[in-house]
C-alpha atoms as a PDB file:
ATOM      1  CA  MET A   1      -0.047   0.074  -0.200  1.00  0.00           C
ATOM      2  CA  THR A   2       1.348   3.296  -0.781  1.00  0.00           C
ATOM      3  CA  ALA A   3       1.902   6.029   1.444  1.00  0.00           C
ATOM      4  CA  LEU A   4      -1.501   8.089   0.057  1.00  0.00           C
ATOM      5  CA  ALA A   5      -3.506   4.921  -0.017  1.00  0.00           C
ATOM      6  CA  ALA A   6      -2.937   4.670   3.695  1.00  0.00           C
ATOM      7  CA  ARG A   7      -3.240   7.981   4.234  1.00  0.00           C
ATOM      8  CA  LEU A   8      -6.539   7.930   2.512  1.00  0.00           C
ATOM      9  CA  ALA A   9      -7.578   4.440   4.160  1.00  0.00           C
ATOM     10  CA  GLU A  10      -7.332   6.499   7.247  1.00  0.00           C
ATOM     11  CA  LEU A  11      -8.913   9.620   6.004  1.00  0.00           C
ATOM     12  CA  ILE A  12     -12.577   7.697   5.479  1.00  0.00           C
ATOM     13  CA  GLY A  13     -12.420   4.796   7.609  1.00  0.00           C
ATOM     14  CA  PRO A  14     -14.572   6.512  10.168  1.00  0.00           C
ATOM     15  CA  LEU A  15     -16.935   7.425   7.399  1.00  0.00           C
ATOM     16  CA  ARG A  16     -17.161   3.642   6.342  1.00  0.00           C
ATOM     17  CA  ASP A  17     -17.304   2.538   9.888  1.00  0.00           C
ATOM     18  CA  ASP A  18     -20.734   4.539  10.760  1.00  0.00           C
ATOM     19  CA  PRO A  19     -22.117   5.775   7.081  1.00  0.00           C
ATOM     20  CA  GLY A  20     -25.808   6.248   8.858  1.00  0.00           C
ATOM     21  CA  SER A  21     -24.597   9.432  10.551  1.00  0.00           C
ATOM     22  CA  SER A  22     -21.784  10.656   7.897  1.00  0.00           C
ATOM     23  CA  ALA A  23     -22.110  12.258   4.735  1.00  0.00           C
ATOM     24  CA  VAL A  24     -20.265  12.625   1.414  1.00  0.00           C
ATOM     25  CA  LEU A  25     -20.642  16.370  -0.340  1.00  0.00           C
ATOM     26  CA  CYS A  26     -18.457  17.071  -3.393  1.00  0.00           C
ATOM     27  CA  ASP A  27     -18.087  19.214  -6.191  1.00  0.00           C
ATOM     28  CA  ILE A  28     -18.924  18.488 -10.030  1.00  0.00           C
ATOM     29  CA  ASP A  29     -16.755  19.686 -12.520  1.00  0.00           C
ATOM     30  CA  GLY A  30     -12.986  18.938 -12.529  1.00  0.00           C
ATOM     31  CA  THR A  31     -14.302  16.263  -9.287  1.00  0.00           C
ATOM     32  CA  LEU A  32     -16.482  14.181 -10.949  1.00  0.00           C
ATOM     33  CA  ALA A  33     -16.812  15.493 -14.643  1.00  0.00           C
ATOM     34  CA  PRO A  34     -13.332  16.103 -16.002  1.00  0.00           C
ATOM     35  CA  ILE A  35     -12.873  19.685 -17.365  1.00  0.00           C
ATOM     36  CA  VAL A  36     -13.531  20.797 -20.877  1.00  0.00           C
ATOM     37  CA  ALA A  37     -13.482  23.473 -23.328  1.00  0.00           C
ATOM     38  CA  ASP A  38     -17.501  23.924 -23.471  1.00  0.00           C
ATOM     39  CA  PRO A  39     -18.628  24.257 -19.639  1.00  0.00           C
ATOM     40  CA  GLU A  40     -22.041  23.042 -21.585  1.00  0.00           C
ATOM     41  CA  ALA A  41     -20.515  20.187 -23.502  1.00  0.00           C
ATOM     42  CA  ALA A  42     -19.357  18.647 -18.987  1.00  0.00           C
ATOM     43  CA  LEU A  43     -21.333  15.080 -18.072  1.00  0.00           C
ATOM     44  CA  VAL A  44     -19.979  13.242 -15.110  1.00  0.00           C
ATOM     45  CA  PRO A  45     -19.082   9.820 -16.618  1.00  0.00           C
ATOM     46  CA  GLU A  46     -21.287   6.511 -15.774  1.00  0.00           C
ATOM     47  CA  ASP A  47     -18.726   4.997 -13.754  1.00  0.00           C
ATOM     48  CA  ALA A  48     -18.492   8.016 -11.958  1.00  0.00           C
ATOM     49  CA  ARG A  49     -21.990   8.208 -11.537  1.00  0.00           C
ATOM     50  CA  LYS A  50     -22.849   4.222 -10.552  1.00  0.00           C
ATOM     51  CA  ALA A  51     -19.890   4.898  -7.515  1.00  0.00           C
ATOM     52  CA  LEU A  52     -21.322   8.208  -6.223  1.00  0.00           C
ATOM     53  CA  ARG A  53     -25.438   6.069  -6.484  1.00  0.00           C
ATOM     54  CA  ALA A  54     -23.895   3.796  -4.483  1.00  0.00           C
ATOM     55  CA  VAL A  55     -22.786   6.148  -2.153  1.00  0.00           C
ATOM     56  CA  ALA A  56     -25.982   7.474  -1.596  1.00  0.00           C
ATOM     57  CA  GLY A  57     -27.171   3.901  -0.834  1.00  0.00           C
ATOM     58  CA  ARG A  58     -25.583   3.600   1.826  1.00  0.00           C
ATOM     59  CA  TYR A  59     -24.715   7.185   3.186  1.00  0.00           C
ATOM     60  CA  ALA A  60     -27.078   9.476   5.559  1.00  0.00           C
ATOM     61  CA  LEU A  61     -26.413  12.287   3.371  1.00  0.00           C
ATOM     62  CA  VAL A  62     -25.110  12.560  -0.188  1.00  0.00           C
ATOM     63  CA  ALA A  63     -24.206  16.236  -2.058  1.00  0.00           C
ATOM     64  CA  CYS A  64     -22.994  18.004  -4.495  1.00  0.00           C
ATOM     65  CA  VAL A  65     -21.840  21.782  -4.313  1.00  0.00           C
ATOM     66  CA  SER A  66     -21.405  23.515  -7.702  1.00  0.00           C
ATOM     67  CA  GLY A  67     -20.934  26.726  -9.226  1.00  0.00           C
ATOM     68  CA  ARG A  68     -23.837  25.519 -11.265  1.00  0.00           C
ATOM     69  CA  GLY A  69     -27.312  26.015 -10.920  1.00  0.00           C
ATOM     70  CA  ALA A  70     -28.722  23.524  -9.166  1.00  0.00           C
ATOM     71  CA  VAL A  71     -31.458  22.319 -11.489  1.00  0.00           C
ATOM     72  CA  ASP A  72     -27.743  21.987 -14.742  1.00  0.00           C
ATOM     73  CA  ALA A  73     -25.726  20.451 -11.735  1.00  0.00           C
ATOM     74  CA  ARG A  74     -28.992  17.775 -11.241  1.00  0.00           C
ATOM     75  CA  ALA A  75     -28.880  17.588 -14.863  1.00  0.00           C
ATOM     76  CA  ARG A  76     -25.142  16.753 -15.316  1.00  0.00           C
ATOM     77  CA  VAL A  77     -25.009  14.089 -12.850  1.00  0.00           C
ATOM     78  CA  GLY A  78     -28.329  12.928 -13.266  1.00  0.00           C
ATOM     79  CA  LEU A  79     -29.123  11.604  -9.985  1.00  0.00           C
ATOM     80  CA  GLU A  80     -32.366  12.768  -8.623  1.00  0.00           C
ATOM     81  CA  GLU A  81     -31.824  11.483  -5.156  1.00  0.00           C
ATOM     82  CA  LEU A  82     -29.205  13.291  -4.097  1.00  0.00           C
ATOM     83  CA  ALA A  83     -29.487  17.031  -2.744  1.00  0.00           C
ATOM     84  CA  TYR A  84     -27.835  19.724  -4.827  1.00  0.00           C
ATOM     85  CA  ALA A  85     -26.703  23.133  -3.805  1.00  0.00           C
ATOM     86  CA  GLY A  86     -26.063  25.337  -6.655  1.00  0.00           C
ATOM     87  CA  ASN A  87     -24.870  28.976  -7.478  1.00  0.00           C
ATOM     88  CA  HIS A  88     -21.977  28.474  -4.476  1.00  0.00           C
ATOM     89  CA  GLY A  89     -24.785  28.036  -2.267  1.00  0.00           C
ATOM     90  CA  ILE A  90     -27.265  30.396  -3.542  1.00  0.00           C
ATOM     91  CA  GLU A  91     -30.153  27.690  -4.388  1.00  0.00           C
ATOM     92  CA  LEU A  92     -30.473  24.392  -2.551  1.00  0.00           C
ATOM     93  CA  LEU A  93     -32.728  21.289  -4.576  1.00  0.00           C
ATOM     94  CA  LYS A  94     -33.358  18.696  -2.583  1.00  0.00           C
ATOM     95  CA  PRO A  95     -33.865  15.355  -3.486  1.00  0.00           C
ATOM     96  CA  GLU A  96     -36.639  14.357  -5.776  1.00  0.00           C
ATOM     97  CA  ALA A  97     -37.590  18.106  -5.469  1.00  0.00           C
ATOM     98  CA  ARG A  98     -38.421  19.859  -8.803  1.00  0.00           C
ATOM     99  CA  ASP A  99     -37.512  23.889  -7.921  1.00  0.00           C
ATOM    100  CA  PRO A 100     -34.575  24.504  -6.165  1.00  0.00           C
ATOM    101  CA  GLU A 101     -34.869  27.273  -2.772  1.00  0.00           C
ATOM    102  CA  VAL A 102     -33.391  30.169  -3.857  1.00  0.00           C
ATOM    103  CA  ASP A 103     -31.370  32.243  -0.401  1.00  0.00           C
ATOM    104  CA  PRO A 104     -33.606  34.956   0.197  1.00  0.00           C
ATOM    105  CA  ILE A 105     -31.206  37.908   0.277  1.00  0.00           C
ATOM    106  CA  VAL A 106     -30.434  36.562  -3.145  1.00  0.00           C
ATOM    107  CA  ALA A 107     -33.952  36.671  -4.267  1.00  0.00           C
ATOM    108  CA  ARG A 108     -34.190  40.349  -3.554  1.00  0.00           C
ATOM    109  CA  LYS A 109     -30.561  41.306  -5.302  1.00  0.00           C
ATOM    110  CA  GLY A 110     -31.155  38.743  -7.850  1.00  0.00           C
ATOM    111  CA  ARG A 111     -30.645  40.383 -10.723  1.00  0.00           C
ATOM    112  CA  ALA A 112     -28.013  42.762  -9.711  1.00  0.00           C
ATOM    113  CA  ALA A 113     -25.280  40.985 -11.283  1.00  0.00           C
ATOM    114  CA  ARG A 114     -27.010  40.482 -14.422  1.00  0.00           C
ATOM    115  CA  GLU A 115     -27.473  44.067 -14.929  1.00  0.00           C
ATOM    116  CA  PHE A 116     -23.863  44.870 -14.577  1.00  0.00           C
ATOM    117  CA  VAL A 117     -23.050  42.428 -17.024  1.00  0.00           C
ATOM    118  CA  LEU A 118     -25.668  43.694 -19.425  1.00  0.00           C
ATOM    119  CA  GLY A 119     -24.217  47.206 -19.297  1.00  0.00           C
ATOM    120  CA  LEU A 120     -20.332  45.822 -20.407  1.00  0.00           C
ATOM    121  CA  ASP A 121     -18.955  46.504 -23.548  1.00  0.00           C
ATOM    122  CA  ALA A 122     -20.038  43.219 -25.730  1.00  0.00           C
ATOM    123  CA  THR A 123     -17.157  43.872 -28.430  1.00  0.00           C
ATOM    124  CA  ALA A 124     -14.366  43.833 -26.193  1.00  0.00           C
ATOM    125  CA  LEU A 125     -15.939  40.954 -24.342  1.00  0.00           C
ATOM    126  CA  ARG A 126     -15.515  38.972 -27.614  1.00  0.00           C
ATOM    127  CA  GLY A 127     -12.473  40.806 -29.061  1.00  0.00           C
ATOM    128  CA  VAL A 128     -10.329  39.191 -25.671  1.00  0.00           C
ATOM    129  CA  GLY A 129     -12.303  35.861 -26.231  1.00  0.00           C
ATOM    130  CA  LEU A 130     -14.443  36.273 -22.676  1.00  0.00           C
ATOM    131  CA  GLN A 131     -17.644  33.926 -22.830  1.00  0.00           C
ATOM    132  CA  LEU A 132     -20.334  35.255 -20.280  1.00  0.00           C
ATOM    133  CA  GLU A 133     -22.823  32.560 -19.124  1.00  0.00           C
ATOM    134  CA  ASP A 134     -26.255  33.393 -17.675  1.00  0.00           C
ATOM    135  CA  LYS A 135     -26.427  31.810 -14.162  1.00  0.00           C
ATOM    136  CA  GLY A 136     -29.665  33.446 -13.008  1.00  0.00           C
ATOM    137  CA  PRO A 137     -28.447  35.001  -9.635  1.00  0.00           C
ATOM    138  CA  ILE A 138     -24.588  34.744 -10.967  1.00  0.00           C
ATOM    139  CA  GLN A 139     -23.158  35.447 -13.779  1.00  0.00           C
ATOM    140  CA  ALA A 140     -19.601  34.239 -15.404  1.00  0.00           C
ATOM    141  CA  LEU A 141     -17.361  35.508 -17.421  1.00  0.00           C
ATOM    142  CA  HIS A 142     -15.137  32.427 -18.731  1.00  0.00           C
ATOM    143  CA  TRP A 143     -11.661  32.732 -20.881  1.00  0.00           C
ATOM    144  CA  ARG A 144     -10.823  28.452 -21.145  1.00  0.00           C
ATOM    145  CA  ARG A 145     -11.505  29.218 -25.030  1.00  0.00           C
ATOM    146  CA  ALA A 146      -9.649  32.157 -25.505  1.00  0.00           C
ATOM    147  CA  GLY A 147      -6.917  32.743 -27.763  1.00  0.00           C
ATOM    148  CA  ASP A 148      -4.719  34.782 -25.720  1.00  0.00           C
ATOM    149  CA  GLN A 149      -5.518  33.970 -21.795  1.00  0.00           C
ATOM    150  CA  GLY A 150      -3.225  35.889 -20.187  1.00  0.00           C
ATOM    151  CA  ALA A 151      -4.923  39.296 -22.717  1.00  0.00           C
ATOM    152  CA  ALA A 152      -8.528  37.545 -21.323  1.00  0.00           C
ATOM    153  CA  GLU A 153      -7.649  37.108 -17.697  1.00  0.00           C
ATOM    154  CA  ALA A 154      -6.487  41.113 -17.838  1.00  0.00           C
ATOM    155  CA  HIS A 155      -9.691  42.436 -18.794  1.00  0.00           C
ATOM    156  CA  ALA A 156     -11.597  40.159 -16.554  1.00  0.00           C
ATOM    157  CA  ARG A 157      -9.756  41.803 -13.658  1.00  0.00           C
ATOM    158  CA  THR A 158     -10.424  44.943 -14.361  1.00  0.00           C
ATOM    159  CA  ILE A 159     -14.034  44.114 -14.787  1.00  0.00           C
ATOM    160  CA  ALA A 160     -14.120  42.626 -11.420  1.00  0.00           C
ATOM    161  CA  GLY A 161     -12.940  46.017 -10.072  1.00  0.00           C
ATOM    162  CA  ALA A 162     -15.403  47.918 -11.521  1.00  0.00           C
ATOM    163  CA  ALA A 163     -18.123  45.324 -10.144  1.00  0.00           C
ATOM    164  CA  SER A 164     -16.672  45.781  -6.603  1.00  0.00           C
ATOM    165  CA  GLU A 165     -16.976  49.427  -7.358  1.00  0.00           C
ATOM    166  CA  ALA A 166     -20.952  48.666  -7.914  1.00  0.00           C
ATOM    167  CA  GLY A 167     -21.024  46.634  -4.677  1.00  0.00           C
ATOM    168  CA  LEU A 168     -21.082  43.210  -6.205  1.00  0.00           C
ATOM    169  CA  GLU A 169     -18.780  40.754  -5.531  1.00  0.00           C
ATOM    170  CA  PRO A 170     -15.794  39.105  -8.089  1.00  0.00           C
ATOM    171  CA  ARG A 171     -14.909  35.588  -7.226  1.00  0.00           C
ATOM    172  CA  TRP A 172     -12.496  33.402  -9.311  1.00  0.00           C
ATOM    173  CA  GLY A 173     -12.027  30.372 -10.223  1.00  0.00           C
ATOM    174  CA  ARG A 174     -10.520  28.078 -12.865  1.00  0.00           C
ATOM    175  CA  LYS A 175     -10.193  30.334 -15.603  1.00  0.00           C
ATOM    176  CA  VAL A 176     -13.814  32.258 -15.225  1.00  0.00           C
ATOM    177  CA  LEU A 177     -14.480  35.091 -13.101  1.00  0.00           C
ATOM    178  CA  GLU A 178     -17.856  35.410 -11.384  1.00  0.00           C
ATOM    179  CA  ILE A 179     -19.783  38.271 -10.310  1.00  0.00           C
ATOM    180  CA  ARG A 180     -21.942  37.202  -7.052  1.00  0.00           C
ATOM    181  CA  PRO A 181     -25.095  39.891  -6.357  1.00  0.00           C
ATOM    182  CA  VAL A 182     -23.653  39.527  -2.136  1.00  0.00           C
ATOM    183  CA  ALA A 183     -21.085  38.351  -0.259  1.00  0.00           C
ATOM    184  CA  GLY A 184     -21.460  35.935   2.625  1.00  0.00           C
ATOM    185  CA  ILE A 185     -22.838  33.235   0.782  1.00  0.00           C
ATOM    186  CA  ASP A 186     -20.139  30.195  -0.620  1.00  0.00           C
ATOM    187  CA  LYS A 187     -19.610  26.603  -1.013  1.00  0.00           C
ATOM    188  CA  GLY A 188     -18.846  27.093   2.748  1.00  0.00           C
ATOM    189  CA  THR A 189     -22.751  28.370   3.845  1.00  0.00           C
ATOM    190  CA  ALA A 190     -23.761  26.302   1.426  1.00  0.00           C
ATOM    191  CA  VAL A 191     -21.795  22.936   3.269  1.00  0.00           C
ATOM    192  CA  ALA A 192     -22.960  24.218   6.617  1.00  0.00           C
ATOM    193  CA  ARG A 193     -26.529  23.955   6.160  1.00  0.00           C
ATOM    194  CA  LEU A 194     -26.755  20.801   4.436  1.00  0.00           C
ATOM    195  CA  LEU A 195     -25.135  19.234   6.916  1.00  0.00           C
ATOM    196  CA  ARG A 196     -26.906  21.156  10.326  1.00  0.00           C
ATOM    197  CA  GLU A 197     -30.392  19.712   8.220  1.00  0.00           C
ATOM    198  CA  LYS A 198     -29.039  16.162   8.614  1.00  0.00           C
ATOM    199  CA  ARG A 199     -27.062  16.524  11.924  1.00  0.00           C
ATOM    200  CA  VAL A 200     -24.322  14.071  10.721  1.00  0.00           C
ATOM    201  CA  GLN A 201     -21.463  13.172  12.478  1.00  0.00           C
ATOM    202  CA  ARG A 202     -18.535  12.739  10.121  1.00  0.00           C
ATOM    203  CA  ALA A 203     -18.236  14.374   7.097  1.00  0.00           C
ATOM    204  CA  LEU A 204     -16.042  14.585   3.704  1.00  0.00           C
ATOM    205  CA  PHE A 205     -16.022  17.354   1.010  1.00  0.00           C
ATOM    206  CA  ALA A 206     -13.838  16.932  -2.322  1.00  0.00           C
ATOM    207  CA  GLY A 207     -13.190  19.772  -4.831  1.00  0.00           C
ATOM    208  CA  ASP A 208     -10.983  21.129  -7.176  1.00  0.00           C
ATOM    209  CA  ASP A 209     -10.896  24.908  -6.879  1.00  0.00           C
ATOM    210  CA  ARG A 210     -10.140  27.895  -4.321  1.00  0.00           C
ATOM    211  CA  THR A 211     -13.810  27.916  -4.205  1.00  0.00           C
ATOM    212  CA  ASP A 212     -13.824  24.424  -2.369  1.00  0.00           C
ATOM    213  CA  VAL A 213     -11.224  25.364   0.148  1.00  0.00           C
ATOM    214  CA  ASP A 214     -14.289  27.579   1.412  1.00  0.00           C
ATOM    215  CA  ALA A 215     -16.101  24.482   1.831  1.00  0.00           C
ATOM    216  CA  PHE A 216     -12.934  22.747   3.793  1.00  0.00           C
ATOM    217  CA  THR A 217     -13.029  25.966   6.333  1.00  0.00           C
ATOM    218  CA  ALA A 218     -16.229  25.633   6.878  1.00  0.00           C
ATOM    219  CA  LEU A 219     -16.364  21.721   7.520  1.00  0.00           C
ATOM    220  CA  ARG A 220     -13.360  22.511  10.141  1.00  0.00           C
ATOM    221  CA  GLU A 221     -15.379  25.481  12.092  1.00  0.00           C
ATOM    222  CA  MET A 222     -17.805  22.757  12.500  1.00  0.00           C
ATOM    223  CA  VAL A 223     -15.509  20.327  14.214  1.00  0.00           C
ATOM    224  CA  SER A 224     -14.155  23.176  16.589  1.00  0.00           C
ATOM    225  CA  GLY A 225     -17.480  24.231  17.631  1.00  0.00           C
ATOM    226  CA  GLY A 226     -18.521  20.699  18.183  1.00  0.00           C
ATOM    227  CA  GLY A 227     -21.250  20.836  15.240  1.00  0.00           C
ATOM    228  CA  LEU A 228     -19.105  17.802  13.927  1.00  0.00           C
ATOM    229  CA  HIS A 229     -16.916  14.932  15.283  1.00  0.00           C
ATOM    230  CA  VAL A 230     -14.918  13.887  12.359  1.00  0.00           C
ATOM    231  CA  ALA A 231     -13.995  16.460   8.977  1.00  0.00           C
ATOM    232  CA  VAL A 232     -12.345  15.164   5.580  1.00  0.00           C
ATOM    233  CA  CYS A 233     -11.076  17.921   3.097  1.00  0.00           C
ATOM    234  CA  ILE A 234     -10.074  15.969  -0.278  1.00  0.00           C
ATOM    235  CA  GLY A 235      -8.318  18.042  -2.895  1.00  0.00           C
ATOM    236  CA  ILE A 236      -8.486  16.715  -6.600  1.00  0.00           C
ATOM    237  CA  ALA A 237      -4.825  17.656  -8.005  1.00  0.00           C
ATOM    238  CA  SER A 238      -4.739  19.167 -11.235  1.00  0.00           C
ATOM    239  CA  ASP A 239      -2.618  21.144 -13.697  1.00  0.00           C
ATOM    240  CA  GLU A 240      -5.018  24.052 -12.620  1.00  0.00           C
ATOM    241  CA  ALA A 241      -5.121  23.489  -9.294  1.00  0.00           C
ATOM    242  CA  PRO A 242      -4.783  26.795  -7.092  1.00  0.00           C
ATOM    243  CA  PRO A 243      -1.721  26.690  -4.339  1.00  0.00           C
ATOM    244  CA  GLU A 244      -4.214  27.149  -1.516  1.00  0.00           C
ATOM    245  CA  LEU A 245      -6.286  23.899  -2.570  1.00  0.00           C
ATOM    246  CA  ALA A 246      -3.641  21.448  -2.341  1.00  0.00           C
ATOM    247  CA  ALA A 247      -2.092  23.645   1.457  1.00  0.00           C
ATOM    248  CA  ALA A 248      -6.081  23.348   2.720  1.00  0.00           C
ATOM    249  CA  ALA A 249      -6.492  19.805   2.036  1.00  0.00           C
ATOM    250  CA  ASP A 250      -6.068  16.942   4.078  1.00  0.00           C
ATOM    251  CA  ALA A 251      -5.076  14.684   1.124  1.00  0.00           C
ATOM    252  CA  MET A 252      -5.023  15.121  -3.062  1.00  0.00           C
ATOM    253  CA  VAL A 253      -5.996  12.750  -5.240  1.00  0.00           C
ATOM    254  CA  ASP A 254      -4.361  12.822  -8.934  1.00  0.00           C
ATOM    255  CA  GLY A 255      -7.786  14.049 -10.604  1.00  0.00           C
ATOM    256  CA  THR A 256     -11.499  12.984 -11.245  1.00  0.00           C
ATOM    257  CA  ALA A 257      -9.707   8.905 -11.793  1.00  0.00           C
ATOM    258  CA  GLY A 258      -8.448   9.297  -8.306  1.00  0.00           C
ATOM    259  CA  PHE A 259     -11.529  10.741  -6.844  1.00  0.00           C
ATOM    260  CA  LEU A 260     -13.372   8.037  -9.011  1.00  0.00           C
ATOM    261  CA  GLU A 261     -11.380   5.388  -6.526  1.00  0.00           C
ATOM    262  CA  LEU A 262     -12.126   7.005  -3.538  1.00  0.00           C
ATOM    263  CA  LEU A 263     -15.965   6.608  -4.572  1.00  0.00           C
ATOM    264  CA  ARG A 264     -15.533   3.040  -5.459  1.00  0.00           C
ATOM    265  CA  SER A 265     -13.739   2.609  -1.585  1.00  0.00           C
ATOM    266  CA  LEU A 266     -16.412   4.884   0.228  1.00  0.00           C
ATOM    267  CA  ALA A 267     -19.231   2.636  -1.705  1.00  0.00           C
ATOM    268  CA  GLU A 268     -17.540  -0.871  -0.716  1.00  0.00           C
ATOM    269  CA  PRO A 269     -15.778  -0.893   2.483  1.00  0.00           C
ATOM    270  CA  ALA A 270     -15.217  -4.596   2.209  1.00  0.00           C
ATOM    271  CA  MET A 271     -13.290  -3.618  -1.097  1.00  0.00           C
ATOM    272  CA  ALA A 272     -12.482  -0.137  -0.305  1.00  0.00           C
ATOM    273  CA  SER A 273      -8.254  -1.737   0.906  1.00  0.00           C
ATOM    274  CA  GLY A 274      -7.522  -3.151  -2.305  1.00  0.00           C
ATOM    275  CA  ALA A 275      -8.739  -0.133  -4.040  1.00  0.00           C
ATOM    276  CA  LEU A 276      -6.608   2.065  -2.103  1.00  0.00           C
ATOM    277  CA  GLN A 277      -3.939  -0.446  -3.153  1.00  0.00           C
ATOM    278  CA  GLY A 278      -2.007   0.889  -5.887  1.00  0.00           C
END
């Protein structure tokens, strides 16, 4: 067994031992689904979906916490039995529910980000390769497909400054700038809300970007405050992973394939030791 495999087995052992009081939460893009140039083309592979369904059948809570809208997140994953926190916690789509619940503060200010981006120079955006994504209360500017990514990011930073001056919250991800209508809502607040409602004692969160560090922080704060007994923070390694992800994680796995193996270990305790021995 490698040192990493031993570390992972140690970390997830308490959850496997008592799945009925444990939660498994994760990001989608870059964690369950490989990153692709066009976000609209991203899908969770069938083997990951199968493993996640098996985990959902054993654990008290399984949820996806994503920057995507909650309905879009469910469509990408394809499992209605999970909970989905969308738009970094602004929306919550409960298992089997048809429509997501929107944070009331955001509902009152939901058009602010949209009105801001509609005021941007569309010609300038196209000129540097910035692609606008309308996510309802959150607006996103992507430059993964830009010809000159440095120029695109520089233009995005100018926009971020203007957004801050307009009272909005700019947040950065992997080749994306999000413009949010309010501060104080993120993946950390989403995770805390999900866990408080289920009253579990152990929880794992896995993600690949700096926004996922908010979830790590929330888990550890819940342990410090007595709301959780065990918190496990798993980072997904990639060429684009920010350095703060590895610094905050308890362990890093190798891409979406590495996280798939971890899911399989969580789903099948009898097979876990073999799955993690690579």
